Amino acid sequence: MTGGPAEELVEPKDPGFENLYLAHYARVVTVLSRLTLNRAEAEELANEVFWKLYRQPLLPSPDGSVVGWLYRAATNLGIDALRKAARRRGYEHEAGRAALESRSAASPLDDVLRDERRRRVRQVLGQLKPVQAQALVLRSSGFSYREVAAALGVKRVSVGILLLRAEEAFRKCYRKLYGEEEI
């Protein structure tokens, strides 16, 4: 297999870059593994560093060291990954704490009523036209009109009318099944 388009995509344009990559990839991964304690993440970060270098080659610095930039960039990415993971753990911890506090404040009766309400909503959604049910679920999940339109394959300007009709169909079906109870 020679001369195929796949080979052109794989072959680097700059043999100097290929030599640099082969000479330093394993060591960059090792440095990042020590930082992140995760080999797979370290490999992803190393690939990102080399990709940045490949896409925008550096001009020779006064000391002529691209290698220095490579390790600085790698450690900076590794430290950024650690910060991101710490923020994520903080957010998750806070969300978990808030969930526990809200659950402890709810009585068993509240849990039963909430579960019953969810069951009823699912039953009503199952009886609506699929596009109406999808529109309601997407919108209640926080999707914008533009995102709802893209997901359903309709024009953005028609999403408002679609949602109004879907809400009305939902109300009618709910009342038919469960009377005038609060939704």
Protein backbone atom coordinates (compact mmCIF):
# COMPACT_ATOMS: atom_id res chain seq x y z
CA MET A 1 0.00 0.00 0.00
CA THR A 2 1.81 3.08 -1.17
CA GLY A 3 0.59 6.49 -2.04
CA GLY A 4 -2.87 6.09 -0.46
CA PRO A 5 -4.58 9.03 1.23
CA ALA A 6 -4.36 7.34 4.66
CA GLU A 7 -0.58 7.25 4.44
CA GLU A 8 -0.45 10.97 3.73
CA LEU A 9 -2.41 11.69 6.89
CA VAL A 10 -0.11 9.56 9.05
CA GLU A 11 3.25 10.70 7.75
CA PRO A 12 4.60 13.82 9.49
CA LYS A 13 5.56 16.73 7.30
CA ASP A 14 8.69 17.44 9.32
CA PRO A 15 11.20 14.65 9.97
CA GLY A 16 12.67 16.82 12.76
CA PHE A 17 9.36 16.70 14.54
CA GLU A 18 9.18 12.92 14.17
CA ASN A 19 12.66 12.56 15.68
CA LEU A 20 11.73 14.88 18.54
CA TYR A 21 8.54 12.93 19.14
CA LEU A 22 10.28 9.56 19.15
CA ALA A 23 13.05 10.82 21.40
CA HIS A 24 10.85 12.47 24.04
CA TYR A 25 7.35 11.00 23.99
CA ALA A 26 7.99 8.25 26.56
CA ARG A 27 9.72 10.64 28.93
CA VAL A 28 6.97 13.27 28.62
CA VAL A 29 4.40 10.56 29.42
CA THR A 30 6.46 9.50 32.44
CA VAL A 31 6.61 13.06 33.78
CA LEU A 32 2.87 13.49 33.29
CA SER A 33 2.14 10.08 34.85
CA ARG A 34 3.95 11.16 37.99
CA LEU A 35 1.88 14.32 38.10
CA THR A 36 -1.54 12.86 37.36
CA LEU A 37 -1.09 9.29 38.68
CA ASN A 38 -3.06 8.17 35.64
CA ARG A 39 -1.22 6.66 32.67
CA ALA A 40 -4.12 7.09 30.21
CA GLU A 41 -4.56 10.75 31.12
CA ALA A 42 -0.80 11.27 30.89
CA GLU A 43 -0.77 9.84 27.36
CA GLU A 44 -3.65 12.12 26.34
CA LEU A 45 -1.86 15.16 27.75
CA ALA A 46 1.41 14.17 26.05
CA ASN A 47 -0.40 13.86 22.74
CA GLU A 48 -1.91 17.30 23.31
CA VAL A 49 1.54 18.82 23.93
CA PHE A 50 3.03 17.26 20.82
CA TRP A 51 -0.03 18.24 18.78
CA LYS A 52 0.41 21.87 19.84
CA LEU A 53 4.06 21.75 18.83
CA TYR A 54 3.25 20.09 15.52
CA ARG A 55 0.50 22.56 14.61
CA GLN A 56 2.51 25.63 15.50
CA PRO A 57 6.25 24.94 15.40
CA LEU A 58 8.32 27.15 17.65
CA LEU A 59 10.87 29.56 16.39
CA PRO A 60 14.32 28.75 17.68
CA SER A 61 14.74 30.32 21.10
CA PRO A 62 17.96 32.09 22.12
CA ASP A 63 19.14 28.88 23.78
CA GLY A 64 17.79 26.82 20.86
CA SER A 65 15.81 24.52 23.14
CA VAL A 66 12.48 23.25 21.88
CA VAL A 67 12.90 20.43 24.39
CA GLY A 68 12.70 22.90 27.27
CA TRP A 69 9.43 24.26 25.90
CA LEU A 70 8.13 20.72 25.48
CA TYR A 71 8.65 19.79 29.15
CA ARG A 72 7.38 23.16 30.40
CA ALA A 73 4.25 22.78 28.31
CA ALA A 74 3.79 19.21 29.51
CA THR A 75 4.13 20.09 33.19
CA ASN A 76 1.83 23.09 32.77
CA LEU A 77 -0.83 20.86 31.18
CA GLY A 78 -0.35 18.30 33.95
CA ILE A 79 -0.78 20.93 36.65
CA ASP A 80 -3.85 22.31 34.88
CA ALA A 81 -5.30 18.78 34.81
CA LEU A 82 -4.69 18.44 38.55
CA ARG A 83 -6.41 21.76 39.22
CA LYS A 84 -9.35 20.79 37.03
CA ALA A 85 -9.69 17.45 38.85
CA ALA A 86 -9.56 19.20 42.24
CA ARG A 87 -12.28 21.65 41.17
CA ARG A 88 -14.39 18.77 39.85
CA ARG A 89 -14.00 16.86 43.13
CA GLY A 90 -15.00 20.00 45.02
CA TYR A 91 -18.10 20.49 42.88
CA GLU A 92 -19.03 16.83 43.21
CA HIS A 93 -18.50 16.89 46.97
CA GLU A 94 -20.65 20.00 47.31
CA ALA A 95 -23.38 18.54 45.10
CA GLY A 96 -23.33 15.32 47.10
CA ARG A 97 -23.53 17.22 50.38
CA ALA A 98 -26.42 19.32 49.10
CA ALA A 99 -28.22 16.20 47.87
CA LEU A 100 -27.81 14.53 51.26
CA GLU A 101 -29.09 17.62 53.06
CA SER A 102 -32.13 17.89 50.81
CA ARG A 103 -32.86 14.17 51.12
CA SER A 104 -32.59 14.23 54.89
CA ALA A 105 -35.06 17.11 55.06
CA ALA A 106 -37.62 15.19 52.99
CA SER A 107 -39.92 12.80 54.78
CA PRO A 108 -40.67 9.29 53.54
CA LEU A 109 -44.09 10.58 52.50
CA ASP A 110 -42.45 13.27 50.36
CA ASP A 111 -40.32 10.60 48.68
CA VAL A 112 -43.38 8.47 47.92
CA LEU A 113 -45.31 11.45 46.54
CA ARG A 114 -42.37 12.54 44.37
CA ASP A 115 -41.97 9.00 43.00
CA GLU A 116 -45.72 8.80 42.26
CA ARG A 117 -45.61 12.17 40.47
CA ARG A 118 -42.68 10.99 38.36
CA ARG A 119 -44.49 7.76 37.48
CA ARG A 120 -47.55 9.73 36.37
CA VAL A 121 -45.50 12.14 34.27
CA ARG A 122 -43.76 9.24 32.53
CA GLN A 123 -47.10 7.58 31.85
CA VAL A 124 -48.53 10.75 30.32
CA LEU A 125 -45.38 11.35 28.25
CA GLY A 126 -45.75 7.82 26.91
CA GLN A 127 -49.21 8.67 25.58
CA LEU A 128 -48.21 11.88 23.78
CA LYS A 129 -46.99 12.07 20.20
CA PRO A 130 -43.27 11.24 20.25
CA VAL A 131 -42.22 14.68 19.01
CA GLN A 132 -44.28 16.36 21.74
CA ALA A 133 -42.84 14.14 24.47
CA GLN A 134 -39.31 14.67 23.15
CA ALA A 135 -39.78 18.45 23.02
CA LEU A 136 -41.03 18.55 26.62
CA VAL A 137 -38.25 16.34 27.91
CA LEU A 138 -35.53 18.29 26.10
CA ARG A 139 -36.84 21.66 27.21
CA SER A 140 -37.27 20.55 30.83
CA SER A 141 -33.69 19.26 30.68
CA GLY A 142 -32.50 22.80 30.03
CA PHE A 143 -32.10 22.71 26.25
CA SER A 144 -32.47 26.04 24.48
CA TYR A 145 -34.96 26.51 21.66
CA ARG A 146 -32.08 26.26 19.19
CA GLU A 147 -30.91 22.96 20.71
CA VAL A 148 -34.46 21.55 20.78
CA ALA A 149 -34.89 22.52 17.13
CA ALA A 150 -31.63 20.83 16.16
CA ALA A 151 -32.46 17.67 18.10
CA LEU A 152 -35.94 17.38 16.62
CA GLY A 153 -35.04 18.53 13.11
CA VAL A 154 -37.47 21.46 13.09
CA LYS A 155 -37.05 25.19 12.55
CA ARG A 156 -36.14 27.20 15.65
CA VAL A 157 -39.09 29.55 15.14
CA SER A 158 -41.52 26.62 15.38
CA VAL A 159 -40.22 25.32 18.72
CA GLY A 160 -42.33 27.73 20.80
CA ILE A 161 -45.58 26.65 19.16
CA LEU A 162 -44.53 23.00 19.36
CA LEU A 163 -43.89 23.36 23.10
CA LEU A 164 -47.18 25.18 23.73
CA ARG A 165 -49.11 22.45 21.93
CA ALA A 166 -47.15 19.74 23.72
CA GLU A 167 -47.82 21.34 27.12
CA GLU A 168 -51.53 21.59 26.35
CA ALA A 169 -51.65 17.97 25.18
CA PHE A 170 -49.82 16.97 28.36
CA ARG A 171 -52.32 18.85 30.56
CA LYS A 172 -55.31 17.31 28.78
CA CYS A 173 -53.92 13.79 29.01
CA TYR A 174 -52.94 14.25 32.66
CA ARG A 175 -56.41 15.53 33.58
CA LYS A 176 -58.04 12.72 31.65
CA LEU A 177 -56.01 10.13 33.58
CA TYR A 178 -55.82 11.75 37.02
CA GLY A 179 -58.55 14.35 37.21
CA GLU A 180 -57.93 17.95 38.26
CA GLU A 181 -55.03 17.13 40.59
CA GLU A 182 -51.99 19.38 40.55
CA ILE A 183 -49.36 18.35 38.05
